[in-house]
Amino acid sequence: MRIVVTGCAGFVGRCVAEHLDEHGHEVIGAFHRHTPALSAITAHQFDVTDESEVQRLLQEFTPDIIVHAAALVDADHCERDPEYAWETNVTGTKNVVRNAEEFGSAVLLVSSSFVFSGTADQYVESDTRDPVNVYGETKVAAEKTVGQAPVPSTVVRIDQPYGDSTSSQTPTMVEWVRDKLTASEEPVEVFADWSNNPIHNHDIAVCIRLLLEGGHRGIYHVVGPEHISRYHWARRIAAVIGHDVTRIEPSHSADSGLPAERPNANLSTTKLVSQIGYAPEGIYQGLQRMAHNVSTE
């Protein structure tokens, strides 16, 4: 399949583009500011908020599928500048969908667990979306745009991806904890009131490929199997990389002054696993993958 991946300089988009390329698909990357380090993939600069640029890109390559990973994912940035967040995450998605319809392309949107409030014990794909911050609101609007479009569409909701980032990307949670622990002997404070379903970036790429190759449509939760607080996750990171876990100390997000509220949404992957026959690995396996820098797929 010929696949355009938007946001290919981002943490998730770059991994997805490389994985699809490695498995024989013709991949074209699209990025905004930072030129991605993609050895075997042609990448083109464009602005997803400019419909004429989106049109030119898709007209040139007429992809079978657009994996739309381009987004402003910093929840605090979104909260401080909601207009920019909506322009990027919602208008950008509308531009992609309108041109996908024109050129006969299917769309896979990378979304987020932040479409939920986190007040329920666990969420399945059909549960009512009730975001608590601007980022979540933009993702709900993007999901509705894709879901209501007259094109074949898929939405994957991810949560706290981790793995090895590049120099132009924000370090992931695992890298941040590792760097803090190795930089000094001081305690490392980590929020105990934020919880996630962390997933290794490689597993996101594998699940997206299997969804695309299987022609699966609709909404899927692509997250790890454990719902864990950042504090307890950090202690696992410390243990795996050989540091004293007691150096990880709990803190509370209310003391941080961060503007965006975070949901502690626990997403079910029952639908995903039953339909693609692949289960994202747990945190321990993911950390081992990072430690040994190997791929099992």
Protein backbone atom coordinates (compact mmCIF):
# COMPACT_ATOMS: atom_id res chain seq x y z
CA MET A 1 0.00 0.00 0.00
CA ARG A 2 1.03 3.59 -0.59
CA ILE A 3 0.79 5.37 2.76
CA VAL A 4 1.31 8.99 3.70
CA VAL A 5 2.25 9.49 7.36
CA THR A 6 1.74 13.02 8.64
CA GLY A 7 3.75 14.07 11.68
CA CYS A 8 6.59 11.79 10.60
CA ALA A 9 9.11 13.85 12.59
CA GLY A 10 7.16 13.20 15.78
CA PHE A 11 7.79 10.41 18.22
CA VAL A 12 4.89 8.20 17.13
CA GLY A 13 4.76 9.20 13.46
CA ARG A 14 8.43 8.49 12.84
CA CYS A 15 8.22 5.01 14.38
CA VAL A 16 5.06 4.17 12.43
CA ALA A 17 6.57 5.37 9.14
CA GLU A 18 9.75 3.32 9.61
CA HIS A 19 7.84 0.20 10.64
CA LEU A 20 5.48 0.37 7.65
CA ASP A 21 8.45 0.89 5.34
CA GLU A 22 10.27 -2.10 6.86
CA HIS A 23 7.21 -4.26 6.13
CA GLY A 24 7.10 -3.49 2.44
CA HIS A 25 4.73 -0.54 2.18
CA GLU A 26 5.48 2.53 0.08
CA VAL A 27 5.70 5.27 2.69
CA ILE A 28 5.81 9.03 2.17
CA GLY A 29 6.43 11.16 5.22
CA ALA A 30 5.06 14.64 5.88
CA PHE A 31 6.48 16.95 8.53
CA HIS A 32 6.11 20.55 9.64
CA ARG A 33 9.29 21.94 11.24
CA HIS A 34 11.92 19.37 12.14
CA THR A 35 13.31 17.31 9.26
CA PRO A 36 12.99 13.67 10.35
CA ALA A 37 15.95 11.31 10.33
CA LEU A 38 14.38 8.74 8.01
CA SER A 39 17.01 6.88 6.02
CA ALA A 40 14.79 5.09 3.49
CA ILE A 41 11.66 7.27 3.42
CA THR A 42 11.05 10.39 1.36
CA ALA A 43 9.76 13.19 3.57
CA HIS A 44 8.06 16.41 2.50
CA GLN A 45 7.57 19.57 4.53
CA PHE A 46 4.03 20.87 4.76
CA ASP A 47 1.64 22.71 7.06
CA VAL A 48 -1.41 20.62 7.91
CA THR A 49 -3.39 23.79 8.70
CA ASP A 50 -2.92 25.00 5.10
CA GLU A 51 -5.43 23.12 2.97
CA SER A 52 -3.66 23.97 -0.28
CA GLU A 53 -0.46 22.33 0.99
CA VAL A 54 -2.37 19.25 2.09
CA GLN A 55 -4.04 19.11 -1.31
CA ARG A 56 -0.74 19.38 -3.18
CA LEU A 57 0.83 16.59 -1.11
CA LEU A 58 -2.04 14.17 -1.59
CA GLN A 59 -2.49 15.07 -5.24
CA GLU A 60 1.15 14.24 -5.90
CA PHE A 61 1.12 10.86 -4.16
CA THR A 62 -2.57 9.79 -4.17
CA PRO A 63 -2.09 7.46 -1.19
CA ASP A 64 -4.25 4.48 -0.40
CA ILE A 65 -4.14 5.48 3.26
CA ILE A 66 -3.23 8.56 5.28
CA VAL A 67 -1.96 7.89 8.79
CA HIS A 68 -2.67 11.24 10.42
CA ALA A 69 -0.29 11.52 13.36
CA ALA A 70 0.44 15.25 13.10
CA ALA A 71 -0.86 17.07 16.17
CA LEU A 72 -0.05 19.39 19.03
CA VAL A 73 0.14 16.82 21.82
CA ASP A 74 1.48 18.96 24.67
CA ALA A 75 -1.60 19.26 26.89
CA ASP A 76 -0.27 22.30 28.73
CA HIS A 77 0.58 24.10 25.47
CA CYS A 78 -2.95 23.37 24.28
CA GLU A 79 -4.38 24.80 27.49
CA ARG A 80 -2.31 27.99 27.20
CA ASP A 81 -3.07 28.48 23.48
CA PRO A 82 -6.40 26.84 22.66
CA GLU A 83 -6.76 28.68 19.35
CA TYR A 84 -3.49 27.20 18.06
CA ALA A 85 -4.45 23.79 19.44
CA TRP A 86 -7.78 23.81 17.59
CA GLU A 87 -6.18 25.06 14.39
CA THR A 88 -3.57 22.30 14.45
CA ASN A 89 -5.57 19.37 15.78
CA VAL A 90 -9.03 20.06 14.36
CA THR A 91 -8.64 22.26 11.28
CA GLY A 92 -5.64 20.16 10.28
CA THR A 93 -7.70 16.99 10.54
CA LYS A 94 -10.53 18.55 8.51
CA ASN A 95 -8.03 19.44 5.78
CA VAL A 96 -6.75 15.87 5.69
CA VAL A 97 -10.24 14.38 5.60
CA ARG A 98 -11.56 16.70 2.88
CA ASN A 99 -8.65 15.88 0.61
CA ALA A 100 -8.75 12.19 1.45
CA GLU A 101 -12.29 12.18 0.10
CA GLU A 102 -11.16 13.98 -3.07
CA PHE A 103 -8.33 11.54 -3.80
CA GLY A 104 -9.99 8.33 -2.58
CA SER A 105 -7.78 7.72 0.45
CA ALA A 106 -8.67 6.01 3.72
CA VAL A 107 -7.72 7.78 6.96
CA LEU A 108 -6.27 6.48 10.21
CA LEU A 109 -6.26 9.09 12.97
CA VAL A 110 -3.91 8.81 15.94
CA SER A 111 -5.97 9.98 18.92
CA SER A 112 -5.62 9.86 22.69
CA SER A 113 -6.96 8.54 25.98
CA PHE A 114 -7.54 12.22 26.81
CA VAL A 115 -10.94 12.05 25.09
CA PHE A 116 -12.14 10.61 28.43
CA SER A 117 -12.36 12.15 31.91
CA GLY A 118 -10.93 9.14 33.71
CA THR A 119 -13.81 8.92 36.18
CA ALA A 120 -14.87 5.42 35.07
CA ASP A 121 -13.05 2.25 36.16
CA GLN A 122 -12.27 1.33 32.55
CA TYR A 123 -13.26 2.52 29.10
CA VAL A 124 -14.22 0.62 25.97
CA GLU A 125 -14.23 2.21 22.53
CA SER A 126 -17.96 3.02 22.51
CA ASP A 127 -18.03 4.85 25.84
CA THR A 128 -19.11 8.49 25.90
CA ARG A 129 -16.26 10.93 25.36
CA ASP A 130 -15.98 13.53 28.14
CA PRO A 131 -12.63 15.36 28.03
CA VAL A 132 -11.35 17.52 30.89
CA ASN A 133 -8.85 19.69 29.01
CA VAL A 134 -8.39 21.52 25.72
CA TYR A 135 -6.20 18.83 24.21
CA GLY A 136 -8.88 16.22 24.88
CA GLU A 137 -11.53 18.50 23.40
CA THR A 138 -9.54 18.89 20.19
CA LYS A 139 -9.09 15.14 19.93
CA VAL A 140 -12.82 14.55 20.38
CA ALA A 141 -13.50 17.02 17.57
CA ALA A 142 -10.86 15.36 15.38
CA GLU A 143 -12.36 11.91 16.03
CA LYS A 144 -15.83 13.19 15.09
CA THR A 145 -14.44 14.74 11.90
CA VAL A 146 -12.92 11.43 10.85
CA GLY A 147 -15.85 9.30 12.00
CA GLN A 148 -18.43 11.37 10.13
CA ALA A 149 -16.42 11.61 6.90
CA PRO A 150 -17.48 9.64 3.80
CA VAL A 151 -14.13 7.85 3.66
CA PRO A 152 -12.99 4.55 5.19
CA SER A 153 -11.67 5.56 8.60
CA THR A 154 -9.95 4.18 11.68
CA VAL A 155 -9.17 5.87 15.01
CA VAL A 156 -6.50 4.59 17.37
CA ARG A 157 -6.39 5.98 20.89
CA ILE A 158 -2.97 5.75 22.48
CA ASP A 159 -1.70 6.60 25.96
CA GLN A 160 1.79 7.56 27.18
CA PRO A 161 3.97 6.10 24.43
CA TYR A 162 7.59 5.47 25.39
CA GLY A 163 10.77 4.25 23.78
CA ASP A 164 13.95 5.77 22.37
CA SER A 165 13.49 9.33 21.11
CA THR A 166 15.71 11.32 18.75
CA SER A 167 17.56 14.53 19.61
CA SER A 168 14.80 16.70 18.13
CA GLN A 169 12.05 15.00 20.14
CA THR A 170 10.94 15.47 23.73
CA PRO A 171 12.37 12.67 25.91
CA THR A 172 9.82 10.06 26.90
CA MET A 173 8.91 9.29 30.50
CA VAL A 174 11.37 6.40 30.62
CA GLU A 175 14.23 8.51 29.28
CA TRP A 176 13.39 11.39 31.64
CA VAL A 177 13.49 9.12 34.70
CA ARG A 178 16.67 7.41 33.52
CA ASP A 179 18.40 10.72 32.90
CA LYS A 180 17.34 12.11 36.29
CA LEU A 181 18.62 9.03 38.08
CA THR A 182 21.98 9.02 36.31
CA ALA A 183 22.58 12.78 36.48
CA SER A 184 22.86 12.94 40.27
CA GLU A 185 22.19 11.09 43.51
CA GLU A 186 19.28 13.37 44.42
CA PRO A 187 15.73 11.99 44.89
CA VAL A 188 13.46 12.12 41.83
CA GLU A 189 9.93 13.33 42.45
CA VAL A 190 7.24 11.82 40.23
CA PHE A 191 3.49 12.46 40.23
CA ALA A 192 1.59 9.76 42.10
CA ASP A 193 -1.83 11.06 41.02
CA TRP A 194 -1.35 10.63 37.25
CA SER A 195 -2.01 7.14 35.86
CA ASN A 196 -1.65 5.76 32.35
CA ASN A 197 -1.59 2.63 30.17
CA PRO A 198 2.00 3.06 28.91
CA ILE A 199 2.80 1.47 25.56
CA HIS A 200 6.11 1.00 23.80
CA ASN A 201 6.23 2.91 20.51
CA HIS A 202 7.08 -0.26 18.58
CA ASP A 203 3.78 -1.82 19.67
CA ILE A 204 1.84 1.22 18.44
CA ALA A 205 3.47 0.80 15.04
CA VAL A 206 2.78 -2.95 14.92
CA CYS A 207 -0.89 -2.49 15.86
CA ILE A 208 -1.39 0.28 13.31
CA ARG A 209 0.16 -1.87 10.58
CA LEU A 210 -2.02 -4.85 11.44
CA LEU A 211 -5.13 -2.66 11.53
CA LEU A 212 -4.30 -1.21 8.11
CA GLU A 213 -3.36 -4.53 6.52
CA GLY A 214 -6.52 -6.14 7.89
CA GLY A 215 -8.76 -3.33 6.66
CA HIS A 216 -10.12 -2.71 10.16
CA ARG A 217 -12.36 0.34 10.56
CA GLY A 218 -13.74 2.10 13.60
CA ILE A 219 -12.18 2.99 16.94
CA TYR A 220 -9.48 0.95 18.72
CA HIS A 221 -7.62 1.37 21.98
CA VAL A 222 -3.91 0.82 21.35
CA VAL A 223 -2.39 0.92 24.83
CA GLY A 224 -0.37 -1.24 27.19
CA PRO A 225 -2.00 -3.79 29.50
CA GLU A 226 -1.12 -2.11 32.81
CA HIS A 227 -2.85 0.95 34.26
CA ILE A 228 -0.19 2.38 36.55
CA SER A 229 0.66 5.65 38.28
CA ARG A 230 3.64 7.63 37.06
CA TYR A 231 5.23 7.13 40.50
CA HIS A 232 5.00 3.33 40.41
CA TRP A 233 6.07 3.29 36.77
CA ALA A 234 9.15 5.33 37.64
CA ARG A 235 10.04 2.83 40.37
CA ARG A 236 9.87 0.01 37.81
CA ILE A 237 12.12 2.00 35.50
CA ALA A 238 14.63 2.49 38.32
CA ALA A 239 14.59 -1.22 39.15
CA VAL A 240 15.14 -2.35 35.56
CA ILE A 241 18.06 0.01 34.93
CA GLY A 242 19.68 -0.87 38.25
CA HIS A 243 19.04 2.18 40.43
CA ASP A 244 17.76 2.38 43.99
CA VAL A 245 13.96 2.52 43.75
CA THR A 246 13.73 4.47 47.02
CA ARG A 247 15.19 7.47 45.20
CA ILE A 248 11.81 7.76 43.44
CA GLU A 249 9.58 9.87 45.68
CA PRO A 250 5.87 10.63 45.19
CA SER A 251 4.62 14.13 44.46
CA HIS A 252 1.26 15.66 43.54
CA SER A 253 0.41 17.42 40.29
CA ALA A 254 -1.55 20.14 42.13
CA ASP A 255 1.77 21.46 43.42
CA SER A 256 3.24 21.78 39.92
CA GLY A 257 1.25 24.71 38.58
CA LEU A 258 0.62 22.93 35.28
CA PRO A 259 -2.48 24.38 33.58
CA ALA A 260 -4.00 21.23 32.07
CA GLU A 261 -5.89 18.68 34.16
CA ARG A 262 -4.97 15.08 33.31
CA PRO A 263 -7.46 12.22 33.13
CA ASN A 264 -6.53 8.86 34.63
CA ALA A 265 -8.34 6.92 31.93
CA ASN A 266 -7.86 3.14 31.90
CA LEU A 267 -8.51 1.86 28.37
CA SER A 268 -9.56 -1.68 27.50
CA THR A 269 -7.77 -3.40 24.60
CA THR A 270 -10.14 -6.38 24.37
CA LYS A 271 -11.48 -5.31 20.99
CA LEU A 272 -8.02 -4.67 19.57
CA VAL A 273 -6.49 -7.96 20.67
CA SER A 274 -9.48 -10.04 19.58
CA GLN A 275 -9.50 -8.54 16.09
CA ILE A 276 -5.79 -8.28 15.20
CA GLY A 277 -4.45 -11.18 17.28
CA TYR A 278 -1.65 -9.11 18.77
CA ALA A 279 -1.37 -7.85 22.36
CA PRO A 280 0.88 -4.90 23.28
CA GLU A 281 3.57 -5.98 25.71
CA GLY A 282 3.76 -5.02 29.37
CA ILE A 283 6.01 -2.40 30.93
CA TYR A 284 8.73 -4.84 31.99
CA GLN A 285 9.05 -6.24 28.47
CA GLY A 286 9.05 -2.74 27.00
CA LEU A 287 11.80 -1.60 29.35
CA GLN A 288 13.83 -4.68 28.47
CA ARG A 289 13.38 -3.82 24.79
CA MET A 290 14.80 -0.37 25.44
CA ALA A 291 17.65 -1.78 27.53
CA HIS A 292 18.71 -4.17 24.79
CA ASN A 293 17.55 -2.02 21.85
CA VAL A 294 16.09 -5.00 20.04
CA SER A 295 12.85 -5.68 18.19
CA THR A 296 10.80 -8.81 18.54
CA GLU A 297 8.63 -8.17 15.53
